[in-house]
Amino acid sequence: MPQLLNSAMLERIADDIGAEIAMKLLTTIRDDIDVTLQVIGGLMIAKDLDGVCGHAHRIKASSQTVGMEELALCAGELEVACRDNRGATARNVALRLPEVVRATLAEVDAVLASKAGPPAKG
């Protein structure tokens, strides 16, 4: 069963590249995904499955990199549906994608908050 955020994988990444860079990578993915979802929505309306395929691939790749397993699977499913020109399947997956993103980002935000430490006293 895929996890929203594979913490063991994230720990390995932090060990490999440093915790600060790993957290920056998570933050960048989190900050960019809302725009990508909007673009995918517009492309789905335009029935541009090739365009959706490219964006789905980028979500899949970036989410796999940091252990966002369920998001990677969902984006991969969208990518395959678009590549295979299965518009109805792509539409159904694209409609599910924002929910998976929201759940995943809640986990990401929890990790980022736990790594931030207590607020500075001023």
PDB file of N, CA and C in Angstrom:
ATOM      1  N   MET A   1       0.841  -1.180   0.000  1.00  0.00           N
ATOM      2  CA  MET A   1       0.000   0.000   0.000  1.00  0.00           C
ATOM      3  C   MET A   1       0.888   1.245   0.000  1.00  0.00           C
ATOM      4  N   PRO A   2       0.691   2.121  -0.950  1.00  0.00           N
ATOM      5  CA  PRO A   2       1.530   3.327  -0.992  1.00  0.00           C
ATOM      6  C   PRO A   2       1.228   4.257   0.178  1.00  0.00           C
ATOM      7  N   GLN A   3       2.249   4.953   0.599  1.00  0.00           N
ATOM      8  CA  GLN A   3       2.104   5.940   1.666  1.00  0.00           C
ATOM      9  C   GLN A   3       1.949   7.318   1.037  1.00  0.00           C
ATOM     10  N   LEU A   4       1.329   8.215   1.777  1.00  0.00           N
ATOM     11  CA  LEU A   4       1.295   9.592   1.295  1.00  0.00           C
ATOM     12  C   LEU A   4       2.711  10.139   1.233  1.00  0.00           C
ATOM     13  N   LEU A   5       3.461   9.976   2.309  1.00  0.00           N
ATOM     14  CA  LEU A   5       4.837  10.448   2.367  1.00  0.00           C
ATOM     15  C   LEU A   5       5.667   9.386   3.072  1.00  0.00           C
ATOM     16  N   ASN A   6       6.564   8.788   2.340  1.00  0.00           N
ATOM     17  CA  ASN A   6       7.411   7.728   2.872  1.00  0.00           C
ATOM     18  C   ASN A   6       8.525   8.378   3.695  1.00  0.00           C
ATOM     19  N   SER A   7       8.346   8.369   5.002  1.00  0.00           N
ATOM     20  CA  SER A   7       9.296   9.068   5.873  1.00  0.00           C
ATOM     21  C   SER A   7      10.673   8.414   5.861  1.00  0.00           C
ATOM     22  N   ALA A   8      10.735   7.098   5.694  1.00  0.00           N
ATOM     23  CA  ALA A   8      12.037   6.423   5.635  1.00  0.00           C
ATOM     24  C   ALA A   8      12.813   6.884   4.400  1.00  0.00           C
ATOM     25  N   MET A   9      12.119   7.004   3.297  1.00  0.00           N
ATOM     26  CA  MET A   9      12.771   7.480   2.074  1.00  0.00           C
ATOM     27  C   MET A   9      13.230   8.928   2.243  1.00  0.00           C
ATOM     28  N   LEU A  10      12.383   9.740   2.848  1.00  0.00           N
ATOM     29  CA  LEU A  10      12.734  11.137   3.073  1.00  0.00           C
ATOM     30  C   LEU A  10      13.960  11.242   3.989  1.00  0.00           C
ATOM     31  N   GLU A  11      14.042  10.396   4.999  1.00  0.00           N
ATOM     32  CA  GLU A  11      15.210  10.388   5.888  1.00  0.00           C
ATOM     33  C   GLU A  11      16.478  10.011   5.130  1.00  0.00           C
ATOM     34  N   ARG A  12      16.369   9.014   4.223  1.00  0.00           N
ATOM     35  CA  ARG A  12      17.532   8.618   3.421  1.00  0.00           C
ATOM     36  C   ARG A  12      17.989   9.778   2.524  1.00  0.00           C
ATOM     37  N   ILE A  13      17.013  10.467   1.946  1.00  0.00           N
ATOM     38  CA  ILE A  13      17.348  11.620   1.099  1.00  0.00           C
ATOM     39  C   ILE A  13      18.052  12.689   1.934  1.00  0.00           C
ATOM     40  N   ALA A  14      17.512  12.955   3.116  1.00  0.00           N
ATOM     41  CA  ALA A  14      18.124  13.955   4.003  1.00  0.00           C
ATOM     42  C   ALA A  14      19.543  13.539   4.384  1.00  0.00           C
ATOM     43  N   ASP A  15      19.759  12.248   4.614  1.00  0.00           N
ATOM     44  CA  ASP A  15      21.105  11.765   4.923  1.00  0.00           C
ATOM     45  C   ASP A  15      22.041  11.951   3.733  1.00  0.00           C
ATOM     46  N   ASP A  16      21.513  11.724   2.515  1.00  0.00           N
ATOM     47  CA  ASP A  16      22.334  11.798   1.312  1.00  0.00           C
ATOM     48  C   ASP A  16      22.679  13.234   0.909  1.00  0.00           C
ATOM     49  N   ILE A  17      21.690  14.117   0.962  1.00  0.00           N
ATOM     50  CA  ILE A  17      21.918  15.473   0.435  1.00  0.00           C
ATOM     51  C   ILE A  17      21.892  16.550   1.514  1.00  0.00           C
ATOM     52  N   GLY A  18      21.574  16.164   2.715  1.00  0.00           N
ATOM     53  CA  GLY A  18      21.484  17.114   3.818  1.00  0.00           C
ATOM     54  C   GLY A  18      20.040  17.489   4.095  1.00  0.00           C
ATOM     55  N   ALA A  19      19.724  17.631   5.367  1.00  0.00           N
ATOM     56  CA  ALA A  19      18.341  17.902   5.771  1.00  0.00           C
ATOM     57  C   ALA A  19      17.833  19.225   5.210  1.00  0.00           C
ATOM     58  N   GLU A  20      18.689  20.235   5.189  1.00  0.00           N
ATOM     59  CA  GLU A  20      18.253  21.548   4.717  1.00  0.00           C
ATOM     60  C   GLU A  20      17.862  21.498   3.235  1.00  0.00           C
ATOM     61  N   ILE A  21      18.657  20.822   2.432  1.00  0.00           N
ATOM     62  CA  ILE A  21      18.346  20.713   0.999  1.00  0.00           C
ATOM     63  C   ILE A  21      17.104  19.852   0.785  1.00  0.00           C
ATOM     64  N   ALA A  22      16.973  18.778   1.560  1.00  0.00           N
ATOM     65  CA  ALA A  22      15.790  17.922   1.443  1.00  0.00           C
ATOM     66  C   ALA A  22      14.516  18.705   1.777  1.00  0.00           C
ATOM     67  N   MET A  23      14.573  19.527   2.806  1.00  0.00           N
ATOM     68  CA  MET A  23      13.405  20.327   3.178  1.00  0.00           C
ATOM     69  C   MET A  23      13.118  21.388   2.109  1.00  0.00           C
ATOM     70  N   LYS A  24      14.167  21.942   1.525  1.00  0.00           N
ATOM     71  CA  LYS A  24      13.980  22.915   0.441  1.00  0.00           C
ATOM     72  C   LYS A  24      13.323  22.243  -0.768  1.00  0.00           C
ATOM     73  N   LEU A  25      13.723  21.030  -1.053  1.00  0.00           N
ATOM     74  CA  LEU A  25      13.124  20.275  -2.153  1.00  0.00           C
ATOM     75  C   LEU A  25      11.636  20.039  -1.893  1.00  0.00           C
ATOM     76  N   LEU A  26      11.287  19.634  -0.691  1.00  0.00           N
ATOM     77  CA  LEU A  26       9.877  19.455  -0.324  1.00  0.00           C
ATOM     78  C   LEU A  26       9.105  20.762  -0.452  1.00  0.00           C
ATOM     79  N   THR A  27       9.699  21.834   0.022  1.00  0.00           N
ATOM     80  CA  THR A  27       9.049  23.147  -0.037  1.00  0.00           C
ATOM     81  C   THR A  27       8.814  23.575  -1.479  1.00  0.00           C
ATOM     82  N   THR A  28       9.798  23.363  -2.330  1.00  0.00           N
ATOM     83  CA  THR A  28       9.670  23.741  -3.739  1.00  0.00           C
ATOM     84  C   THR A  28       8.547  22.952  -4.412  1.00  0.00           C
ATOM     85  N   ILE A  29       8.509  21.665  -4.182  1.00  0.00           N
ATOM     86  CA  ILE A  29       7.446  20.832  -4.764  1.00  0.00           C
ATOM     87  C   ILE A  29       6.090  21.312  -4.260  1.00  0.00           C
ATOM     88  N   ARG A  30       5.990  21.536  -2.964  1.00  0.00           N
ATOM     89  CA  ARG A  30       4.730  22.006  -2.363  1.00  0.00           C
ATOM     90  C   ARG A  30       4.294  23.331  -2.977  1.00  0.00           C
ATOM     91  N   ASP A  31       5.231  24.248  -3.127  1.00  0.00           N
ATOM     92  CA  ASP A  31       4.897  25.579  -3.627  1.00  0.00           C
ATOM     93  C   ASP A  31       4.517  25.577  -5.109  1.00  0.00           C
ATOM     94  N   ASP A  32       5.065  24.657  -5.873  1.00  0.00           N
ATOM     95  CA  ASP A  32       4.821  24.624  -7.320  1.00  0.00           C
ATOM     96  C   ASP A  32       3.580  23.838  -7.732  1.00  0.00           C
ATOM     97  N   ILE A  33       3.111  22.953  -6.896  1.00  0.00           N
ATOM     98  CA  ILE A  33       2.094  22.010  -7.354  1.00  0.00           C
ATOM     99  C   ILE A  33       0.730  22.643  -7.612  1.00  0.00           C
ATOM    100  N   ASP A  34       0.369  23.678  -6.878  1.00  0.00           N
ATOM    101  CA  ASP A  34      -0.937  24.319  -7.112  1.00  0.00           C
ATOM    102  C   ASP A  34      -1.029  24.903  -8.521  1.00  0.00           C
ATOM    103  N   VAL A  35       0.044  25.544  -8.957  1.00  0.00           N
ATOM    104  CA  VAL A  35       0.070  26.103 -10.314  1.00  0.00           C
ATOM    105  C   VAL A  35      -0.030  24.969 -11.335  1.00  0.00           C
ATOM    106  N   THR A  36       0.691  23.890 -11.089  1.00  0.00           N
ATOM    107  CA  THR A  36       0.656  22.751 -12.007  1.00  0.00           C
ATOM    108  C   THR A  36      -0.743  22.160 -12.089  1.00  0.00           C
ATOM    109  N   LEU A  37      -1.443  22.071 -10.968  1.00  0.00           N
ATOM    110  CA  LEU A  37      -2.824  21.557 -10.984  1.00  0.00           C
ATOM    111  C   LEU A  37      -3.734  22.468 -11.804  1.00  0.00           C
ATOM    112  N   GLN A  38      -3.543  23.767 -11.679  1.00  0.00           N
ATOM    113  CA  GLN A  38      -4.344  24.706 -12.477  1.00  0.00           C
ATOM    114  C   GLN A  38      -4.062  24.534 -13.968  1.00  0.00           C
ATOM    115  N   VAL A  39      -2.811  24.356 -14.308  1.00  0.00           N
ATOM    116  CA  VAL A  39      -2.443  24.150 -15.708  1.00  0.00           C
ATOM    117  C   VAL A  39      -3.065  22.854 -16.223  1.00  0.00           C
ATOM    118  N   ILE A  40      -2.976  21.801 -15.442  1.00  0.00           N
ATOM    119  CA  ILE A  40      -3.576  20.524 -15.846  1.00  0.00           C
ATOM    120  C   ILE A  40      -5.073  20.690 -16.054  1.00  0.00           C
ATOM    121  N   GLY A  41      -5.730  21.406 -15.164  1.00  0.00           N
ATOM    122  CA  GLY A  41      -7.166  21.646 -15.315  1.00  0.00           C
ATOM    123  C   GLY A  41      -7.488  22.342 -16.619  1.00  0.00           C
ATOM    124  N   GLY A  42      -6.721  23.364 -16.950  1.00  0.00           N
ATOM    125  CA  GLY A  42      -6.935  24.076 -18.205  1.00  0.00           C
ATOM    126  C   GLY A  42      -6.678  23.198 -19.416  1.00  0.00           C
ATOM    127  N   LEU A  43      -5.644  22.393 -19.337  1.00  0.00           N
ATOM    128  CA  LEU A  43      -5.334  21.481 -20.442  1.00  0.00           C
ATOM    129  C   LEU A  43      -6.397  20.402 -20.598  1.00  0.00           C
ATOM    130  N   MET A  44      -6.954  19.951 -19.486  1.00  0.00           N
ATOM    131  CA  MET A  44      -8.032  18.954 -19.562  1.00  0.00           C
ATOM    132  C   MET A  44      -9.258  19.570 -20.232  1.00  0.00           C
ATOM    133  N   ILE A  45      -9.577  20.814 -19.889  1.00  0.00           N
ATOM    134  CA  ILE A  45     -10.713  21.508 -20.520  1.00  0.00           C
ATOM    135  C   ILE A  45     -10.473  21.622 -22.026  1.00  0.00           C
ATOM    136  N   ALA A  46      -9.226  21.917 -22.394  1.00  0.00           N
ATOM    137  CA  ALA A  46      -8.875  22.052 -23.809  1.00  0.00           C
ATOM    138  C   ALA A  46      -8.694  20.688 -24.495  1.00  0.00           C
ATOM    139  N   LYS A  47      -8.798  19.617 -23.708  1.00  0.00           N
ATOM    140  CA  LYS A  47      -8.609  18.240 -24.222  1.00  0.00           C
ATOM    141  C   LYS A  47      -7.214  18.044 -24.825  1.00  0.00           C
ATOM    142  N   ASP A  48      -6.234  18.704 -24.214  1.00  0.00           N
ATOM    143  CA  ASP A  48      -4.839  18.594 -24.639  1.00  0.00           C
ATOM    144  C   ASP A  48      -4.158  17.522 -23.795  1.00  0.00           C
ATOM    145  N   LEU A  49      -4.383  16.266 -24.166  1.00  0.00           N
ATOM    146  CA  LEU A  49      -3.839  15.161 -23.379  1.00  0.00           C
ATOM    147  C   LEU A  49      -2.316  15.111 -23.434  1.00  0.00           C
ATOM    148  N   ASP A  50      -1.720  15.546 -24.545  1.00  0.00           N
ATOM    149  CA  ASP A  50      -0.259  15.575 -24.614  1.00  0.00           C
ATOM    150  C   ASP A  50       0.310  16.548 -23.585  1.00  0.00           C
ATOM    151  N   GLY A  51      -0.309  17.709 -23.460  1.00  0.00           N
ATOM    152  CA  GLY A  51       0.127  18.683 -22.466  1.00  0.00           C
ATOM    153  C   GLY A  51      -0.045  18.167 -21.048  1.00  0.00           C
ATOM    154  N   VAL A  52      -1.197  17.539 -20.791  1.00  0.00           N
ATOM    155  CA  VAL A  52      -1.445  16.961 -19.460  1.00  0.00           C
ATOM    156  C   VAL A  52      -0.406  15.890 -19.165  1.00  0.00           C
ATOM    157  N   CYS A  53      -0.081  15.081 -20.161  1.00  0.00           N
ATOM    158  CA  CYS A  53       0.886  14.000 -19.994  1.00  0.00           C
ATOM    159  C   CYS A  53       2.224  14.535 -19.486  1.00  0.00           C
ATOM    160  N   GLY A  54       2.695  15.617 -20.084  1.00  0.00           N
ATOM    161  CA  GLY A  54       3.969  16.196 -19.666  1.00  0.00           C
ATOM    162  C   GLY A  54       3.953  16.695 -18.234  1.00  0.00           C
ATOM    163  N   HIS A  55       2.875  17.366 -17.858  1.00  0.00           N
ATOM    164  CA  HIS A  55       2.768  17.870 -16.476  1.00  0.00           C
ATOM    165  C   HIS A  55       2.590  16.730 -15.484  1.00  0.00           C
ATOM    166  N   ALA A  56       1.828  15.717 -15.863  1.00  0.00           N
ATOM    167  CA  ALA A  56       1.655  14.556 -14.989  1.00  0.00           C
ATOM    168  C   ALA A  56       2.994  13.848 -14.781  1.00  0.00           C
ATOM    169  N   HIS A  57       3.780  13.769 -15.839  1.00  0.00           N
ATOM    170  CA  HIS A  57       5.096  13.143 -15.726  1.00  0.00           C
ATOM    171  C   HIS A  57       5.984  13.907 -14.747  1.00  0.00           C
ATOM    172  N   ARG A  58       5.967  15.235 -14.821  1.00  0.00           N
ATOM    173  CA  ARG A  58       6.781  16.040 -13.910  1.00  0.00           C
ATOM    174  C   ARG A  58       6.332  15.866 -12.455  1.00  0.00           C
ATOM    175  N   ILE A  59       5.017  15.815 -12.232  1.00  0.00           N
ATOM    176  CA  ILE A  59       4.533  15.571 -10.863  1.00  0.00           C
ATOM    177  C   ILE A  59       4.990  14.197 -10.394  1.00  0.00           C
ATOM    178  N   LYS A  60       4.846  13.211 -11.264  1.00  0.00           N
ATOM    179  CA  LYS A  60       5.244  11.846 -10.902  1.00  0.00           C
ATOM    180  C   LYS A  60       6.723  11.806 -10.537  1.00  0.00           C
ATOM    181  N   ALA A  61       7.559  12.373 -11.380  1.00  0.00           N
ATOM    182  CA  ALA A  61       9.003  12.325 -11.154  1.00  0.00           C
ATOM    183  C   ALA A  61       9.404  13.050  -9.869  1.00  0.00           C
ATOM    184  N   SER A  62       8.889  14.253  -9.678  1.00  0.00           N
ATOM    185  CA  SER A  62       9.278  15.013  -8.484  1.00  0.00           C
ATOM    186  C   SER A  62       8.749  14.363  -7.220  1.00  0.00           C
ATOM    187  N   SER A  63       7.543  13.834  -7.263  1.00  0.00           N
ATOM    188  CA  SER A  63       6.985  13.212  -6.062  1.00  0.00           C
ATOM    189  C   SER A  63       7.680  11.890  -5.745  1.00  0.00           C
ATOM    190  N   GLN A  64       8.091  11.144  -6.757  1.00  0.00           N
ATOM    191  CA  GLN A  64       8.853   9.914  -6.519  1.00  0.00           C
ATOM    192  C   GLN A  64      10.178  10.225  -5.842  1.00  0.00           C
ATOM    193  N   THR A  65      10.788  11.322  -6.231  1.00  0.00           N
ATOM    194  CA  THR A  65      12.102  11.702  -5.715  1.00  0.00           C
ATOM    195  C   THR A  65      12.099  11.855  -4.197  1.00  0.00           C
ATOM    196  N   VAL A  66      11.003  12.359  -3.644  1.00  0.00           N
ATOM    197  CA  VAL A  66      10.963  12.627  -2.204  1.00  0.00           C
ATOM    198  C   VAL A  66      10.038  11.681  -1.439  1.00  0.00           C
ATOM    199  N   GLY A  67       9.560  10.635  -2.081  1.00  0.00           N
ATOM    200  CA  GLY A  67       8.771   9.624  -1.374  1.00  0.00           C
ATOM    201  C   GLY A  67       7.297   9.930  -1.233  1.00  0.00           C
ATOM    202  N   MET A  68       6.762  10.781  -2.091  1.00  0.00           N
ATOM    203  CA  MET A  68       5.314  11.039  -2.102  1.00  0.00           C
ATOM    204  C   MET A  68       4.666   9.940  -2.952  1.00  0.00           C
ATOM    205  N   GLU A  69       4.521   8.768  -2.360  1.00  0.00           N
ATOM    206  CA  GLU A  69       4.189   7.569  -3.115  1.00  0.00           C
ATOM    207  C   GLU A  69       2.816   7.601  -3.769  1.00  0.00           C
ATOM    208  N   GLU A  70       1.790   7.938  -3.007  1.00  0.00           N
ATOM    209  CA  GLU A  70       0.433   7.931  -3.563  1.00  0.00           C
ATOM    210  C   GLU A  70       0.280   8.980  -4.665  1.00  0.00           C
ATOM    211  N   LEU A  71       0.891  10.128  -4.464  1.00  0.00           N
ATOM    212  CA  LEU A  71       0.851  11.179  -5.486  1.00  0.00           C
ATOM    213  C   LEU A  71       1.582  10.723  -6.752  1.00  0.00           C
ATOM    214  N   ALA A  72       2.716  10.071  -6.591  1.00  0.00           N
ATOM    215  CA  ALA A  72       3.460   9.563  -7.748  1.00  0.00           C
ATOM    216  C   ALA A  72       2.630   8.542  -8.520  1.00  0.00           C
ATOM    217  N   LEU A  73       1.939   7.667  -7.801  1.00  0.00           N
ATOM    218  CA  LEU A  73       1.093   6.671  -8.473  1.00  0.00           C
ATOM    219  C   LEU A  73      -0.058   7.321  -9.222  1.00  0.00           C
ATOM    220  N   CYS A  74      -0.703   8.274  -8.595  1.00  0.00           N
ATOM    221  CA  CYS A  74      -1.843   8.954  -9.219  1.00  0.00           C
ATOM    222  C   CYS A  74      -1.387   9.727 -10.457  1.00  0.00           C
ATOM    223  N   ALA A  75      -0.287  10.458 -10.336  1.00  0.00           N
ATOM    224  CA  ALA A  75       0.233  11.220 -11.477  1.00  0.00           C
ATOM    225  C   ALA A  75       0.675  10.269 -12.591  1.00  0.00           C
ATOM    226  N   GLY A  76       1.256   9.146 -12.214  1.00  0.00           N
ATOM    227  CA  GLY A  76       1.664   8.156 -13.205  1.00  0.00           C
ATOM    228  C   GLY A  76       0.469   7.564 -13.939  1.00  0.00           C
ATOM    229  N   GLU A  77      -0.599   7.335 -13.199  1.00  0.00           N
ATOM    230  CA  GLU A  77      -1.845   6.837 -13.804  1.00  0.00           C
ATOM    231  C   GLU A  77      -2.396   7.858 -14.804  1.00  0.00           C
ATOM    232  N   LEU A  78      -2.342   9.130 -14.437  1.00  0.00           N
ATOM    233  CA  LEU A  78      -2.794  10.190 -15.336  1.00  0.00           C
ATOM    234  C   LEU A  78      -1.904  10.254 -16.576  1.00  0.00           C
ATOM    235  N   GLU A  79      -0.607  10.153 -16.374  1.00  0.00           N
ATOM    236  CA  GLU A  79       0.335  10.187 -17.495  1.00  0.00           C
ATOM    237  C   GLU A  79       0.043   9.058 -18.489  1.00  0.00           C
ATOM    238  N   VAL A  80      -0.142   7.856 -17.992  1.00  0.00           N
ATOM    239  CA  VAL A  80      -0.395   6.704 -18.866  1.00  0.00           C
ATOM    240  C   VAL A  80      -1.725   6.860 -19.600  1.00  0.00           C
ATOM    241  N   ALA A  81      -2.755   7.302 -18.882  1.00  0.00           N
ATOM    242  CA  ALA A  81      -4.061   7.490 -19.527  1.00  0.00           C
ATOM    243  C   ALA A  81      -3.967   8.508 -20.660  1.00  0.00           C
ATOM    244  N   CYS A  82      -3.238   9.577 -20.432  1.00  0.00           N
ATOM    245  CA  CYS A  82      -3.077  10.598 -21.477  1.00  0.00           C
ATOM    246  C   CYS A  82      -2.254  10.067 -22.636  1.00  0.00           C
ATOM    247  N   ARG A  83      -1.174   9.401 -22.319  1.00  0.00           N
ATOM    248  CA  ARG A  83      -0.304   8.864 -23.363  1.00  0.00           C
ATOM    249  C   ARG A  83      -1.053   7.849 -24.233  1.00  0.00           C
ATOM    250  N   ASP A  84      -1.956   7.074 -23.596  1.00  0.00           N
ATOM    251  CA  ASP A  84      -2.740   6.063 -24.319  1.00  0.00           C
ATOM    252  C   ASP A  84      -4.018   6.639 -24.926  1.00  0.00           C
ATOM    253  N   ASN A  85      -4.171   7.958 -24.813  1.00  0.00           N
ATOM    254  CA  ASN A  85      -5.327   8.668 -25.382  1.00  0.00           C
ATOM    255  C   ASN A  85      -6.666   8.150 -24.829  1.00  0.00           C
ATOM    256  N   ARG A  86      -6.669   7.857 -23.537  1.00  0.00           N
ATOM    257  CA  ARG A  86      -7.895   7.433 -22.863  1.00  0.00           C
ATOM    258  C   ARG A  86      -8.449   8.628 -22.091  1.00  0.00           C
ATOM    259  N   GLY A  87      -9.175   9.471 -22.810  1.00  0.00           N
ATOM    260  CA  GLY A  87      -9.652  10.736 -22.275  1.00  0.00           C
ATOM    261  C   GLY A  87     -10.546  10.601 -21.055  1.00  0.00           C
ATOM    262  N   ALA A  88     -11.470   9.635 -21.063  1.00  0.00           N
ATOM    263  CA  ALA A  88     -12.382   9.475 -19.928  1.00  0.00           C
ATOM    264  C   ALA A  88     -11.622   9.052 -18.674  1.00  0.00           C
ATOM    265  N   THR A  89     -10.680   8.145 -18.826  1.00  0.00           N
ATOM    266  CA  THR A  89      -9.863   7.715 -17.685  1.00  0.00           C
ATOM    267  C   THR A  89      -9.014   8.881 -17.186  1.00  0.00           C
ATOM    268  N   ALA A  90      -8.414   9.615 -18.127  1.00  0.00           N
ATOM    269  CA  ALA A  90      -7.600  10.772 -17.751  1.00  0.00           C
ATOM    270  C   ALA A  90      -8.432  11.786 -16.975  1.00  0.00           C
ATOM    271  N   ARG A  91      -9.649  12.011 -17.424  1.00  0.00           N
ATOM    272  CA  ARG A  91     -10.527  12.959 -16.736  1.00  0.00           C
ATOM    273  C   ARG A  91     -10.799  12.512 -15.306  1.00  0.00           C
ATOM    274  N   ASN A  92     -11.110  11.226 -15.126  1.00  0.00           N
ATOM    275  CA  ASN A  92     -11.404  10.698 -13.790  1.00  0.00           C
ATOM    276  C   ASN A  92     -10.191  10.810 -12.863  1.00  0.00           C
ATOM    277  N   VAL A  93      -9.022  10.493 -13.391  1.00  0.00           N
ATOM    278  CA  VAL A  93      -7.806  10.589 -12.578  1.00  0.00           C
ATOM    279  C   VAL A  93      -7.489  12.051 -12.280  1.00  0.00           C
ATOM    280  N   ALA A  94      -7.644  12.911 -13.270  1.00  0.00           N
ATOM    281  CA  ALA A  94      -7.375  14.339 -13.070  1.00  0.00           C
ATOM    282  C   ALA A  94      -8.303  14.923 -12.010  1.00  0.00           C
ATOM    283  N   LEU A  95      -9.525  14.434 -11.938  1.00  0.00           N
ATOM    284  CA  LEU A  95     -10.452  14.905 -10.908  1.00  0.00           C
ATOM    285  C   LEU A  95     -10.054  14.416  -9.515  1.00  0.00           C
ATOM    286  N   ARG A  96      -9.403  13.272  -9.446  1.00  0.00           N
ATOM    287  CA  ARG A  96      -8.956  12.707  -8.166  1.00  0.00           C
ATOM    288  C   ARG A  96      -7.634  13.327  -7.701  1.00  0.00           C
ATOM    289  N   LEU A  97      -6.837  13.796  -8.643  1.00  0.00           N
ATOM    290  CA  LEU A  97      -5.495  14.293  -8.334  1.00  0.00           C
ATOM    291  C   LEU A  97      -5.461  15.396  -7.266  1.00  0.00           C
ATOM    292  N   PRO A  98      -6.319  16.409  -7.319  1.00  0.00           N
ATOM    293  CA  PRO A  98      -6.252  17.460  -6.278  1.00  0.00           C
ATOM    294  C   PRO A  98      -6.468  16.925  -4.857  1.00  0.00           C
ATOM    295  N   GLU A  99      -7.317  15.928  -4.706  1.00  0.00           N
ATOM    296  CA  GLU A  99      -7.543  15.343  -3.374  1.00  0.00           C
ATOM    297  C   GLU A  99      -6.269  14.656  -2.873  1.00  0.00           C
ATOM    298  N   VAL A 100      -5.604  13.932  -3.757  1.00  0.00           N
ATOM    299  CA  VAL A 100      -4.354  13.271  -3.383  1.00  0.00           C
ATOM    300  C   VAL A 100      -3.296  14.320  -3.059  1.00  0.00           C
ATOM    301  N   VAL A 101      -3.250  15.381  -3.834  1.00  0.00           N
ATOM    302  CA  VAL A 101      -2.303  16.465  -3.573  1.00  0.00           C
ATOM    303  C   VAL A 101      -2.575  17.077  -2.201  1.00  0.00           C
ATOM    304  N   ARG A 102      -3.821  17.391  -1.900  1.00  0.00           N
ATOM    305  CA  ARG A 102      -4.154  18.007  -0.596  1.00  0.00           C
ATOM    306  C   ARG A 102      -3.727  17.115   0.566  1.00  0.00           C
ATOM    307  N   ALA A 103      -4.024  15.828   0.476  1.00  0.00           N
ATOM    308  CA  ALA A 103      -3.655  14.907   1.551  1.00  0.00           C
ATOM    309  C   ALA A 103      -2.128  14.814   1.686  1.00  0.00           C
ATOM    310  N   THR A 104      -1.448  14.744   0.557  1.00  0.00           N
ATOM    311  CA  THR A 104       0.012  14.654   0.578  1.00  0.00           C
ATOM    312  C   THR A 104       0.629  15.923   1.147  1.00  0.00           C
ATOM    313  N   LEU A 105       0.117  17.068   0.725  1.00  0.00           N
ATOM    314  CA  LEU A 105       0.674  18.331   1.211  1.00  0.00           C
ATOM    315  C   LEU A 105       0.441  18.526   2.707  1.00  0.00           C
ATOM    316  N   ALA A 106      -0.635  17.973   3.222  1.00  0.00           N
ATOM    317  CA  ALA A 106      -0.851  18.029   4.670  1.00  0.00           C
ATOM    318  C   ALA A 106       0.276  17.286   5.392  1.00  0.00           C
ATOM    319  N   GLU A 107       0.681  16.151   4.841  1.00  0.00           N
ATOM    320  CA  GLU A 107       1.809  15.404   5.418  1.00  0.00           C
ATOM    321  C   GLU A 107       3.116  16.189   5.267  1.00  0.00           C
ATOM    322  N   VAL A 108       3.320  16.779   4.106  1.00  0.00           N
ATOM    323  CA  VAL A 108       4.528  17.576   3.865  1.00  0.00           C
ATOM    324  C   VAL A 108       4.592  18.745   4.842  1.00  0.00           C
ATOM    325  N   ASP A 109       3.470  19.442   5.011  1.00  0.00           N
ATOM    326  CA  ASP A 109       3.438  20.575   5.930  1.00  0.00           C
ATOM    327  C   ASP A 109       3.753  20.137   7.361  1.00  0.00           C
ATOM    328  N   ALA A 110       3.275  18.965   7.743  1.00  0.00           N
ATOM    329  CA  ALA A 110       3.567  18.459   9.086  1.00  0.00           C
ATOM    330  C   ALA A 110       5.064  18.188   9.247  1.00  0.00           C
ATOM    331  N   VAL A 111       5.681  17.610   8.235  1.00  0.00           N
ATOM    332  CA  VAL A 111       7.119  17.344   8.284  1.00  0.00           C
ATOM    333  C   VAL A 111       7.893  18.659   8.334  1.00  0.00           C
ATOM    334  N   LEU A 112       7.525  19.598   7.474  1.00  0.00           N
ATOM    335  CA  LEU A 112       8.221  20.882   7.458  1.00  0.00           C
ATOM    336  C   LEU A 112       8.078  21.610   8.792  1.00  0.00           C
ATOM    337  N   ALA A 113       6.885  21.552   9.380  1.00  0.00           N
ATOM    338  CA  ALA A 113       6.662  22.205  10.675  1.00  0.00           C
ATOM    339  C   ALA A 113       7.501  21.546  11.767  1.00  0.00           C
ATOM    340  N   SER A 114       7.621  20.225  11.718  1.00  0.00           N
ATOM    341  CA  SER A 114       8.398  19.528  12.749  1.00  0.00           C
ATOM    342  C   SER A 114       9.884  19.817  12.624  1.00  0.00           C
ATOM    343  N   LYS A 115      10.343  20.111  11.425  1.00  0.00           N
ATOM    344  CA  LYS A 115      11.761  20.394  11.194  1.00  0.00           C
ATOM    345  C   LYS A 115      12.101  21.853  11.452  1.00  0.00           C
ATOM    346  N   ALA A 116      11.084  22.713  11.481  1.00  0.00           N
ATOM    347  CA  ALA A 116      11.324  24.149  11.655  1.00  0.00           C
ATOM    348  C   ALA A 116      11.742  24.494  13.069  1.00  0.00           C
ATOM    349  N   GLY A 117      11.326  23.700  14.041  1.00  0.00           N
ATOM    350  CA  GLY A 117      11.665  23.987  15.419  1.00  0.00           C
ATOM    351  C   GLY A 117      10.768  25.084  15.974  1.00  0.00           C
ATOM    352  N   PRO A 118      11.001  25.446  17.215  1.00  0.00           N
ATOM    353  CA  PRO A 118      10.173  26.476  17.835  1.00  0.00           C
ATOM    354  C   PRO A 118      10.455  27.848  17.230  1.00  0.00           C
ATOM    355  N   PRO A 119       9.447  28.721  17.243  1.00  0.00           N
ATOM    356  CA  PRO A 119       9.653  30.065  16.706  1.00  0.00           C
ATOM    357  C   PRO A 119      10.683  30.826  17.552  1.00  0.00           C
ATOM    358  N   ALA A 120      11.415  31.709  16.889  1.00  0.00           N
ATOM    359  CA  ALA A 120      12.414  32.520  17.579  1.00  0.00           C
ATOM    360  C   ALA A 120      11.725  33.493  18.524  1.00  0.00           C
ATOM    361  N   LYS A 121      12.319  33.704  19.681  1.00  0.00           N
ATOM    362  CA  LYS A 121      11.768  34.653  20.640  1.00  0.00           C
ATOM    363  C   LYS A 121      12.282  36.046  20.297  1.00  0.00           C
ATOM    364  N   GLY A 122      11.378  37.005  20.348  1.00  0.00           N
ATOM    365  CA  GLY A 122      11.799  38.332  19.939  1.00  0.00           C
ATOM    366  C   GLY A 122      11.463  39.344  20.859  1.00  0.00           C
TER     367      GLY A 122
END
